Amino acid sequence: MGDQELSAPPPPPPDAELTSEQKLYWLNALQIVGDWTVHDDGDGRLFYYDRRTDSSQWEVPDALASLETEFMMKLMLQNAVARSGVWTAHDAGNGTL
């Protein structure tokens, strides 16, 4: 990959329910660090493979854990806002909206 900067594709539509294939796609899109890839075992369970060490594991690698958590939190927030149908200004407590 060299010095090429990678970025994740735009998020799916807010009201979309992700299929296992879509989730796998988005998890792979987030892999911008290290040598890890995400795979489906055929039964819908995800496992992680490290190309550098030629090893796999069920647990999310530390290098991907924060990215996966950040993505899932953003997706949940996006879905919650889109489903609420109510848009209001929010004061964060510092007098600005």
PDB file of N, CA and C in Angstrom:
ATOM      1  N   MET A   1       0.805  -1.178   0.000  1.00  0.00           N
ATOM      2  CA  MET A   1       0.000   0.000   0.000  1.00  0.00           C
ATOM      3  C   MET A   1       0.856   1.253   0.000  1.00  0.00           C
ATOM      4  N   GLY A   2       2.075   1.177   0.482  1.00  0.00           N
ATOM      5  CA  GLY A   2       2.978   2.300   0.414  1.00  0.00           C
ATOM      6  C   GLY A   2       2.471   3.506   1.164  1.00  0.00           C
ATOM      7  N   ASP A   3       2.681   4.669   0.544  1.00  0.00           N
ATOM      8  CA  ASP A   3       2.285   5.921   1.171  1.00  0.00           C
ATOM      9  C   ASP A   3       0.879   6.344   0.811  1.00  0.00           C
ATOM     10  N   GLN A   4       0.159   5.501   0.079  1.00  0.00           N
ATOM     11  CA  GLN A   4      -1.196   5.853  -0.340  1.00  0.00           C
ATOM     12  C   GLN A   4      -2.115   5.907   0.874  1.00  0.00           C
ATOM     13  N   GLU A   5      -2.848   7.006   1.008  1.00  0.00           N
ATOM     14  CA  GLU A   5      -3.763   7.160   2.129  1.00  0.00           C
ATOM     15  C   GLU A   5      -5.104   6.535   1.775  1.00  0.00           C
ATOM     16  N   LEU A   6      -5.595   5.666   2.634  1.00  0.00           N
ATOM     17  CA  LEU A   6      -6.869   5.001   2.407  1.00  0.00           C
ATOM     18  C   LEU A   6      -7.930   5.628   3.282  1.00  0.00           C
ATOM     19  N   SER A   7      -9.137   5.661   2.784  1.00  0.00           N
ATOM     20  CA  SER A   7     -10.246   6.143   3.598  1.00  0.00           C
ATOM     21  C   SER A   7     -11.429   5.222   3.401  1.00  0.00           C
ATOM     22  N   ALA A   8     -12.241   5.118   4.426  1.00  0.00           N
ATOM     23  CA  ALA A   8     -13.427   4.262   4.358  1.00  0.00           C
ATOM     24  C   ALA A   8     -14.454   4.897   3.440  1.00  0.00           C
ATOM     25  N   PRO A   9     -15.257   4.083   2.766  1.00  0.00           N
ATOM     26  CA  PRO A   9     -16.320   4.625   1.927  1.00  0.00           C
ATOM     27  C   PRO A   9     -17.368   5.301   2.793  1.00  0.00           C
ATOM     28  N   PRO A  10     -18.250   6.106   2.187  1.00  0.00           N
ATOM     29  CA  PRO A  10     -19.279   6.775   2.981  1.00  0.00           C
ATOM     30  C   PRO A  10     -20.170   5.754   3.673  1.00  0.00           C
ATOM     31  N   PRO A  11     -20.762   6.123   4.810  1.00  0.00           N
ATOM     32  CA  PRO A  11     -21.606   5.177   5.540  1.00  0.00           C
ATOM     33  C   PRO A  11     -22.853   4.818   4.747  1.00  0.00           C
ATOM     34  N   PRO A  12     -23.464   3.665   5.063  1.00  0.00           N
ATOM     35  CA  PRO A  12     -24.694   3.271   4.380  1.00  0.00           C
ATOM     36  C   PRO A  12     -25.830   4.206   4.766  1.00  0.00           C
ATOM     37  N   PRO A  13     -26.947   4.168   4.035  1.00  0.00           N
ATOM     38  CA  PRO A  13     -28.094   5.004   4.397  1.00  0.00           C
ATOM     39  C   PRO A  13     -28.488   4.752   5.847  1.00  0.00           C
ATOM     40  N   PRO A  14     -28.939   5.787   6.565  1.00  0.00           N
ATOM     41  CA  PRO A  14     -29.205   5.673   8.003  1.00  0.00           C
ATOM     42  C   PRO A  14     -30.194   4.591   8.384  1.00  0.00           C
ATOM     43  N   ASP A  15     -31.207   4.341   7.565  1.00  0.00           N
ATOM     44  CA  ASP A  15     -32.229   3.378   7.955  1.00  0.00           C
ATOM     45  C   ASP A  15     -31.936   1.978   7.427  1.00  0.00           C
ATOM     46  N   ALA A  16     -30.758   1.763   6.897  1.00  0.00           N
ATOM     47  CA  ALA A  16     -30.433   0.458   6.323  1.00  0.00           C
ATOM     48  C   ALA A  16     -30.123  -0.556   7.421  1.00  0.00           C
ATOM     49  N   GLU A  17     -30.644  -1.748   7.257  1.00  0.00           N
ATOM     50  CA  GLU A  17     -30.279  -2.860   8.125  1.00  0.00           C
ATOM     51  C   GLU A  17     -29.138  -3.590   7.426  1.00  0.00           C
ATOM     52  N   LEU A  18     -28.012  -3.747   8.094  1.00  0.00           N
ATOM     53  CA  LEU A  18     -26.860  -4.367   7.469  1.00  0.00           C
ATOM     54  C   LEU A  18     -26.998  -5.881   7.444  1.00  0.00           C
ATOM     55  N   THR A  19     -26.777  -6.464   6.272  1.00  0.00           N
ATOM     56  CA  THR A  19     -26.701  -7.914   6.167  1.00  0.00           C
ATOM     57  C   THR A  19     -25.314  -8.328   6.639  1.00  0.00           C
ATOM     58  N   SER A  20     -25.092  -9.627   6.823  1.00  0.00           N
ATOM     59  CA  SER A  20     -23.766 -10.069   7.252  1.00  0.00           C
ATOM     60  C   SER A  20     -22.723  -9.722   6.194  1.00  0.00           C
ATOM     61  N   GLU A  21     -23.111  -9.777   4.913  1.00  0.00           N
ATOM     62  CA  GLU A  21     -22.177  -9.426   3.846  1.00  0.00           C
ATOM     63  C   GLU A  21     -21.818  -7.941   3.901  1.00  0.00           C
ATOM     64  N   GLN A  22     -22.816  -7.091   4.169  1.00  0.00           N
ATOM     65  CA  GLN A  22     -22.556  -5.654   4.259  1.00  0.00           C
ATOM     66  C   GLN A  22     -21.681  -5.333   5.468  1.00  0.00           C
ATOM     67  N   LYS A  23     -21.957  -5.998   6.601  1.00  0.00           N
ATOM     68  CA  LYS A  23     -21.142  -5.756   7.790  1.00  0.00           C
ATOM     69  C   LYS A  23     -19.697  -6.160   7.512  1.00  0.00           C
ATOM     70  N   LEU A  24     -19.516  -7.304   6.864  1.00  0.00           N
ATOM     71  CA  LEU A  24     -18.183  -7.766   6.513  1.00  0.00           C
ATOM     72  C   LEU A  24     -17.489  -6.746   5.612  1.00  0.00           C
ATOM     73  N   TYR A  25     -18.234  -6.198   4.645  1.00  0.00           N
ATOM     74  CA  TYR A  25     -17.676  -5.178   3.752  1.00  0.00           C
ATOM     75  C   TYR A  25     -17.221  -3.961   4.543  1.00  0.00           C
ATOM     76  N   TRP A  26     -18.064  -3.475   5.449  1.00  0.00           N
ATOM     77  CA  TRP A  26     -17.726  -2.275   6.207  1.00  0.00           C
ATOM     78  C   TRP A  26     -16.565  -2.532   7.156  1.00  0.00           C
ATOM     79  N   LEU A  27     -16.516  -3.708   7.756  1.00  0.00           N
ATOM     80  CA  LEU A  27     -15.386  -4.014   8.633  1.00  0.00           C
ATOM     81  C   LEU A  27     -14.090  -4.035   7.840  1.00  0.00           C
ATOM     82  N   ASN A  28     -14.126  -4.631   6.644  1.00  0.00           N
ATOM     83  CA  ASN A  28     -12.933  -4.642   5.805  1.00  0.00           C
ATOM     84  C   ASN A  28     -12.576  -3.236   5.346  1.00  0.00           C
ATOM     85  N   ALA A  29     -13.579  -2.395   5.106  1.00  0.00           N
ATOM     86  CA  ALA A  29     -13.315  -1.020   4.683  1.00  0.00           C
ATOM     87  C   ALA A  29     -12.599  -0.236   5.777  1.00  0.00           C
ATOM     88  N   LEU A  30     -12.804  -0.616   7.024  1.00  0.00           N
ATOM     89  CA  LEU A  30     -12.179   0.088   8.141  1.00  0.00           C
ATOM     90  C   LEU A  30     -10.736  -0.334   8.381  1.00  0.00           C
ATOM     91  N   GLN A  31     -10.305  -1.381   7.726  1.00  0.00           N
ATOM     92  CA  GLN A  31      -8.975  -1.916   8.003  1.00  0.00           C
ATOM     93  C   GLN A  31      -7.898  -1.072   7.348  1.00  0.00           C
ATOM     94  N   ILE A  32      -7.540  -0.009   7.995  1.00  0.00           N
ATOM     95  CA  ILE A  32      -6.530   0.880   7.451  1.00  0.00           C
ATOM     96  C   ILE A  32      -5.248   0.806   8.266  1.00  0.00           C
ATOM     97  N   VAL A  33      -5.197  -0.124   9.205  1.00  0.00           N
ATOM     98  CA  VAL A  33      -3.985  -0.317   9.994  1.00  0.00           C
ATOM     99  C   VAL A  33      -3.622  -1.791   9.985  1.00  0.00           C
ATOM    100  N   GLY A  34      -2.343  -2.064  10.025  1.00  0.00           N
ATOM    101  CA  GLY A  34      -1.875  -3.429  10.161  1.00  0.00           C
ATOM    102  C   GLY A  34      -2.185  -4.331   8.983  1.00  0.00           C
ATOM    103  N   ASP A  35      -2.063  -5.612   9.232  1.00  0.00           N
ATOM    104  CA  ASP A  35      -2.214  -6.622   8.189  1.00  0.00           C
ATOM    105  C   ASP A  35      -3.450  -7.487   8.378  1.00  0.00           C
ATOM    106  N   TRP A  36      -4.397  -7.068   9.201  1.00  0.00           N
ATOM    107  CA  TRP A  36      -5.563  -7.876   9.510  1.00  0.00           C
ATOM    108  C   TRP A  36      -6.635  -7.770   8.440  1.00  0.00           C
ATOM    109  N   THR A  37      -7.319  -8.877   8.192  1.00  0.00           N
ATOM    110  CA  THR A  37      -8.511  -8.892   7.347  1.00  0.00           C
ATOM    111  C   THR A  37      -9.613  -9.606   8.116  1.00  0.00           C
ATOM    112  N   VAL A  38     -10.864  -9.325   7.770  1.00  0.00           N
ATOM    113  CA  VAL A  38     -12.016  -9.921   8.439  1.00  0.00           C
ATOM    114  C   VAL A  38     -12.688 -10.872   7.463  1.00  0.00           C
ATOM    115  N   HIS A  39     -13.074 -12.049   7.964  1.00  0.00           N
ATOM    116  CA  HIS A  39     -13.688 -13.064   7.114  1.00  0.00           C
ATOM    117  C   HIS A  39     -14.896 -13.687   7.807  1.00  0.00           C
ATOM    118  N   ASP A  40     -15.816 -14.208   7.019  1.00  0.00           N
ATOM    119  CA  ASP A  40     -16.992 -14.929   7.509  1.00  0.00           C
ATOM    120  C   ASP A  40     -16.680 -16.417   7.414  1.00  0.00           C
ATOM    121  N   ASP A  41     -16.977 -17.172   8.466  1.00  0.00           N
ATOM    122  CA  ASP A  41     -16.667 -18.604   8.465  1.00  0.00           C
ATOM    123  C   ASP A  41     -17.699 -19.447   7.722  1.00  0.00           C
ATOM    124  N   GLY A  42     -18.706 -18.824   7.134  1.00  0.00           N
ATOM    125  CA  GLY A  42     -19.746 -19.554   6.418  1.00  0.00           C
ATOM    126  C   GLY A  42     -21.001 -19.745   7.245  1.00  0.00           C
ATOM    127  N   ASP A  43     -20.876 -19.605   8.563  1.00  0.00           N
ATOM    128  CA  ASP A  43     -22.020 -19.713   9.469  1.00  0.00           C
ATOM    129  C   ASP A  43     -22.396 -18.354  10.054  1.00  0.00           C
ATOM    130  N   GLY A  44     -21.863 -17.278   9.467  1.00  0.00           N
ATOM    131  CA  GLY A  44     -22.178 -15.938   9.941  1.00  0.00           C
ATOM    132  C   GLY A  44     -21.272 -15.427  11.041  1.00  0.00           C
ATOM    133  N   ARG A  45     -20.307 -16.232  11.467  1.00  0.00           N
ATOM    134  CA  ARG A  45     -19.361 -15.785  12.499  1.00  0.00           C
ATOM    135  C   ARG A  45     -18.142 -15.168  11.817  1.00  0.00           C
ATOM    136  N   LEU A  46     -17.664 -14.070  12.378  1.00  0.00           N
ATOM    137  CA  LEU A  46     -16.504 -13.397  11.814  1.00  0.00           C
ATOM    138  C   LEU A  46     -15.236 -13.855  12.515  1.00  0.00           C
ATOM    139  N   PHE A  47     -14.159 -14.004  11.724  1.00  0.00           N
ATOM    140  CA  PHE A  47     -12.848 -14.248  12.308  1.00  0.00           C
ATOM    141  C   PHE A  47     -11.845 -13.316  11.649  1.00  0.00           C
ATOM    142  N   TYR A  48     -10.716 -13.152  12.286  1.00  0.00           N
ATOM    143  CA  TYR A  48      -9.714 -12.180  11.877  1.00  0.00           C
ATOM    144  C   TYR A  48      -8.439 -12.912  11.485  1.00  0.00           C
ATOM    145  N   TYR A  49      -7.850 -12.494  10.354  1.00  0.00           N
ATOM    146  CA  TYR A  49      -6.656 -13.146   9.822  1.00  0.00           C
ATOM    147  C   TYR A  49      -5.547 -12.116   9.669  1.00  0.00           C
ATOM    148  N   ASP A  50      -4.369 -12.452  10.170  1.00  0.00           N
ATOM    149  CA  ASP A  50      -3.195 -11.588  10.056  1.00  0.00           C
ATOM    150  C   ASP A  50      -2.315 -12.116   8.932  1.00  0.00           C
ATOM    151  N   ARG A  51      -2.253 -11.369   7.833  1.00  0.00           N
ATOM    152  CA  ARG A  51      -1.466 -11.794   6.666  1.00  0.00           C
ATOM    153  C   ARG A  51       0.015 -11.878   6.990  1.00  0.00           C
ATOM    154  N   ARG A  52       0.492 -11.015   7.868  1.00  0.00           N
ATOM    155  CA  ARG A  52       1.919 -10.979   8.181  1.00  0.00           C
ATOM    156  C   ARG A  52       2.363 -12.242   8.917  1.00  0.00           C
ATOM    157  N   THR A  53       1.575 -12.680   9.895  1.00  0.00           N
ATOM    158  CA  THR A  53       1.960 -13.841  10.700  1.00  0.00           C
ATOM    159  C   THR A  53       1.288 -15.129  10.248  1.00  0.00           C
ATOM    160  N   ASP A  54       0.362 -15.029   9.282  1.00  0.00           N
ATOM    161  CA  ASP A  54      -0.387 -16.179   8.774  1.00  0.00           C
ATOM    162  C   ASP A  54      -1.147 -16.887   9.900  1.00  0.00           C
ATOM    163  N   SER A  55      -1.766 -16.083  10.782  1.00  0.00           N
ATOM    164  CA  SER A  55      -2.540 -16.648  11.887  1.00  0.00           C
ATOM    165  C   SER A  55      -3.935 -16.039  11.889  1.00  0.00           C
ATOM    166  N   SER A  56      -4.875 -16.755  12.500  1.00  0.00           N
ATOM    167  CA  SER A  56      -6.246 -16.251  12.592  1.00  0.00           C
ATOM    168  C   SER A  56      -6.731 -16.373  14.029  1.00  0.00           C
ATOM    169  N   GLN A  57      -7.783 -15.594  14.342  1.00  0.00           N
ATOM    170  CA  GLN A  57      -8.360 -15.628  15.685  1.00  0.00           C
ATOM    171  C   GLN A  57      -9.798 -15.150  15.628  1.00  0.00           C
ATOM    172  N   TRP A  58     -10.581 -15.546  16.631  1.00  0.00           N
ATOM    173  CA  TRP A  58     -11.983 -15.128  16.721  1.00  0.00           C
ATOM    174  C   TRP A  58     -12.117 -13.739  17.327  1.00  0.00           C
ATOM    175  N   GLU A  59     -11.233 -13.390  18.261  1.00  0.00           N
ATOM    176  CA  GLU A  59     -11.324 -12.114  18.964  1.00  0.00           C
ATOM    177  C   GLU A  59     -10.865 -10.981  18.048  1.00  0.00           C
ATOM    178  N   VAL A  60     -11.494  -9.816  18.225  1.00  0.00           N
ATOM    179  CA  VAL A  60     -11.098  -8.641  17.452  1.00  0.00           C
ATOM    180  C   VAL A  60      -9.689  -8.235  17.876  1.00  0.00           C
ATOM    181  N   PRO A  61      -8.755  -8.118  16.925  1.00  0.00           N
ATOM    182  CA  PRO A  61      -7.391  -7.694  17.278  1.00  0.00           C
ATOM    183  C   PRO A  61      -7.395  -6.276  17.849  1.00  0.00           C
ATOM    184  N   ASP A  62      -6.473  -6.010  18.752  1.00  0.00           N
ATOM    185  CA  ASP A  62      -6.386  -4.678  19.354  1.00  0.00           C
ATOM    186  C   ASP A  62      -6.278  -3.588  18.292  1.00  0.00           C
ATOM    187  N   ALA A  63      -5.546  -3.870  17.208  1.00  0.00           N
ATOM    188  CA  ALA A  63      -5.345  -2.871  16.154  1.00  0.00           C
ATOM    189  C   ALA A  63      -6.649  -2.473  15.477  1.00  0.00           C
ATOM    190  N   LEU A  64      -7.654  -3.350  15.503  1.00  0.00           N
ATOM    191  CA  LEU A  64      -8.928  -3.066  14.847  1.00  0.00           C
ATOM    192  C   LEU A  64     -10.046  -2.741  15.824  1.00  0.00           C
ATOM    193  N   ALA A  65      -9.868  -3.083  17.081  1.00  0.00           N
ATOM    194  CA  ALA A  65     -10.953  -2.946  18.061  1.00  0.00           C
ATOM    195  C   ALA A  65     -11.476  -1.520  18.153  1.00  0.00           C
ATOM    196  N   SER A  66     -10.590  -0.553  18.246  1.00  0.00           N
ATOM    197  CA  SER A  66     -11.057   0.829  18.389  1.00  0.00           C
ATOM    198  C   SER A  66     -11.749   1.309  17.124  1.00  0.00           C
ATOM    199  N   LEU A  67     -11.263   0.891  15.955  1.00  0.00           N
ATOM    200  CA  LEU A  67     -11.910   1.283  14.700  1.00  0.00           C
ATOM    201  C   LEU A  67     -13.292   0.666  14.583  1.00  0.00           C
ATOM    202  N   GLU A  68     -13.414  -0.616  14.944  1.00  0.00           N
ATOM    203  CA  GLU A  68     -14.702  -1.298  14.861  1.00  0.00           C
ATOM    204  C   GLU A  68     -15.693  -0.659  15.834  1.00  0.00           C
ATOM    205  N   THR A  69     -15.242  -0.386  17.049  1.00  0.00           N
ATOM    206  CA  THR A  69     -16.113   0.235  18.043  1.00  0.00           C
ATOM    207  C   THR A  69     -16.573   1.604  17.570  1.00  0.00           C
ATOM    208  N   GLU A  70     -15.648   2.395  17.038  1.00  0.00           N
ATOM    209  CA  GLU A  70     -15.991   3.734  16.553  1.00  0.00           C
ATOM    210  C   GLU A  70     -17.011   3.649  15.420  1.00  0.00           C
ATOM    211  N   PHE A  71     -16.810   2.728  14.486  1.00  0.00           N
ATOM    212  CA  PHE A  71     -17.740   2.572  13.367  1.00  0.00           C
ATOM    213  C   PHE A  71     -19.126   2.173  13.858  1.00  0.00           C
ATOM    214  N   MET A  72     -19.203   1.178  14.747  1.00  0.00           N
ATOM    215  CA  MET A  72     -20.499   0.707  15.220  1.00  0.00           C
ATOM    216  C   MET A  72     -21.219   1.799  16.013  1.00  0.00           C
ATOM    217  N   MET A  73     -20.499   2.582  16.812  1.00  0.00           N
ATOM    218  CA  MET A  73     -21.120   3.671  17.562  1.00  0.00           C
ATOM    219  C   MET A  73     -21.679   4.730  16.615  1.00  0.00           C
ATOM    220  N   LYS A  74     -20.918   5.083  15.575  1.00  0.00           N
ATOM    221  CA  LYS A  74     -21.392   6.067  14.603  1.00  0.00           C
ATOM    222  C   LYS A  74     -22.617   5.551  13.870  1.00  0.00           C
ATOM    223  N   LEU A  75     -22.611   4.268  13.513  1.00  0.00           N
ATOM    224  CA  LEU A  75     -23.741   3.680  12.804  1.00  0.00           C
ATOM    225  C   LEU A  75     -24.982   3.662  13.694  1.00  0.00           C
ATOM    226  N   MET A  76     -24.828   3.286  14.975  1.00  0.00           N
ATOM    227  CA  MET A  76     -25.972   3.265  15.889  1.00  0.00           C
ATOM    228  C   MET A  76     -26.522   4.672  16.095  1.00  0.00           C
ATOM    229  N   LEU A  77     -25.645   5.656  16.259  1.00  0.00           N
ATOM    230  CA  LEU A  77     -26.090   7.034  16.433  1.00  0.00           C
ATOM    231  C   LEU A  77     -26.813   7.521  15.186  1.00  0.00           C
ATOM    232  N   GLN A  78     -26.267   7.229  14.026  1.00  0.00           N
ATOM    233  CA  GLN A  78     -26.877   7.638  12.764  1.00  0.00           C
ATOM    234  C   GLN A  78     -28.264   7.020  12.621  1.00  0.00           C
ATOM    235  N   ASN A  79     -28.403   5.747  12.940  1.00  0.00           N
ATOM    236  CA  ASN A  79     -29.703   5.076  12.853  1.00  0.00           C
ATOM    237  C   ASN A  79     -30.687   5.659  13.862  1.00  0.00           C
ATOM    238  N   ALA A  80     -30.234   5.954  15.081  1.00  0.00           N
ATOM    239  CA  ALA A  80     -31.123   6.497  16.109  1.00  0.00           C
ATOM    240  C   ALA A  80     -31.642   7.868  15.709  1.00  0.00           C
ATOM    241  N   VAL A  81     -30.786   8.718  15.199  1.00  0.00           N
ATOM    242  CA  VAL A  81     -31.196  10.059  14.781  1.00  0.00           C
ATOM    243  C   VAL A  81     -32.147   9.969  13.600  1.00  0.00           C
ATOM    244  N   ALA A  82     -31.833   9.126  12.628  1.00  0.00           N
ATOM    245  CA  ALA A  82     -32.670   9.012  11.436  1.00  0.00           C
ATOM    246  C   ALA A  82     -34.049   8.468  11.777  1.00  0.00           C
ATOM    247  N   ARG A  83     -34.138   7.565  12.730  1.00  0.00           N
ATOM    248  CA  ARG A  83     -35.421   6.958  13.083  1.00  0.00           C
ATOM    249  C   ARG A  83     -36.266   7.857  13.979  1.00  0.00           C
ATOM    250  N   SER A  84     -35.625   8.794  14.682  1.00  0.00           N
ATOM    251  CA  SER A  84     -36.384   9.637  15.607  1.00  0.00           C
ATOM    252  C   SER A  84     -37.318  10.573  14.865  1.00  0.00           C
ATOM    253  N   GLY A  85     -36.920  11.027  13.683  1.00  0.00           N
ATOM    254  CA  GLY A  85     -37.761  11.907  12.890  1.00  0.00           C
ATOM    255  C   GLY A  85     -37.899  13.302  13.461  1.00  0.00           C
ATOM    256  N   VAL A  86     -37.293  13.562  14.602  1.00  0.00           N
ATOM    257  CA  VAL A  86     -37.389  14.871  15.239  1.00  0.00           C
ATOM    258  C   VAL A  86     -36.002  15.497  15.247  1.00  0.00           C
ATOM    259  N   TRP A  87     -35.899  16.658  14.663  1.00  0.00           N
ATOM    260  CA  TRP A  87     -34.618  17.355  14.613  1.00  0.00           C
ATOM    261  C   TRP A  87     -34.736  18.650  15.403  1.00  0.00           C
ATOM    262  N   THR A  88     -33.936  18.782  16.451  1.00  0.00           N
ATOM    263  CA  THR A  88     -33.956  19.998  17.261  1.00  0.00           C
ATOM    264  C   THR A  88     -32.526  20.442  17.531  1.00  0.00           C
ATOM    265  N   ALA A  89     -32.366  21.731  17.807  1.00  0.00           N
ATOM    266  CA  ALA A  89     -31.055  22.248  18.182  1.00  0.00           C
ATOM    267  C   ALA A  89     -30.724  21.751  19.580  1.00  0.00           C
ATOM    268  N   HIS A  90     -29.472  21.535  19.833  1.00  0.00           N
ATOM    269  CA  HIS A  90     -29.040  21.030  21.136  1.00  0.00           C
ATOM    270  C   HIS A  90     -28.009  21.984  21.724  1.00  0.00           C
ATOM    271  N   ASP A  91     -28.232  22.403  22.952  1.00  0.00           N
ATOM    272  CA  ASP A  91     -27.277  23.246  23.654  1.00  0.00           C
ATOM    273  C   ASP A  91     -26.359  22.337  24.455  1.00  0.00           C
ATOM    274  N   ALA A  92     -25.071  22.364  24.137  1.00  0.00           N
ATOM    275  CA  ALA A  92     -24.103  21.505  24.805  1.00  0.00           C
ATOM    276  C   ALA A  92     -23.732  22.023  26.188  1.00  0.00           C
ATOM    277  N   GLY A  93     -24.387  23.088  26.628  1.00  0.00           N
ATOM    278  CA  GLY A  93     -24.116  23.599  27.961  1.00  0.00           C
ATOM    279  C   GLY A  93     -23.165  24.774  27.981  1.00  0.00           C
ATOM    280  N   ASN A  94     -22.678  25.161  26.824  1.00  0.00           N
ATOM    281  CA  ASN A  94     -21.753  26.286  26.789  1.00  0.00           C
ATOM    282  C   ASN A  94     -22.363  27.498  26.082  1.00  0.00           C
ATOM    283  N   GLY A  95     -23.689  27.497  25.930  1.00  0.00           N
ATOM    284  CA  GLY A  95     -24.379  28.633  25.343  1.00  0.00           C
ATOM    285  C   GLY A  95     -24.359  28.690  23.836  1.00  0.00           C
ATOM    286  N   THR A  96     -23.862  27.641  23.206  1.00  0.00           N
ATOM    287  CA  THR A  96     -23.861  27.605  21.740  1.00  0.00           C
ATOM    288  C   THR A  96     -24.730  26.464  21.264  1.00  0.00           C
ATOM    289  N   LEU A  97     -25.247  26.591  20.090  1.00  0.00           N
ATOM    290  CA  LEU A  97     -26.078  25.534  19.513  1.00  0.00           C
ATOM    291  C   LEU A  97     -25.338  24.844  18.410  1.00  0.00           C
TER     292      LEU A  97
END
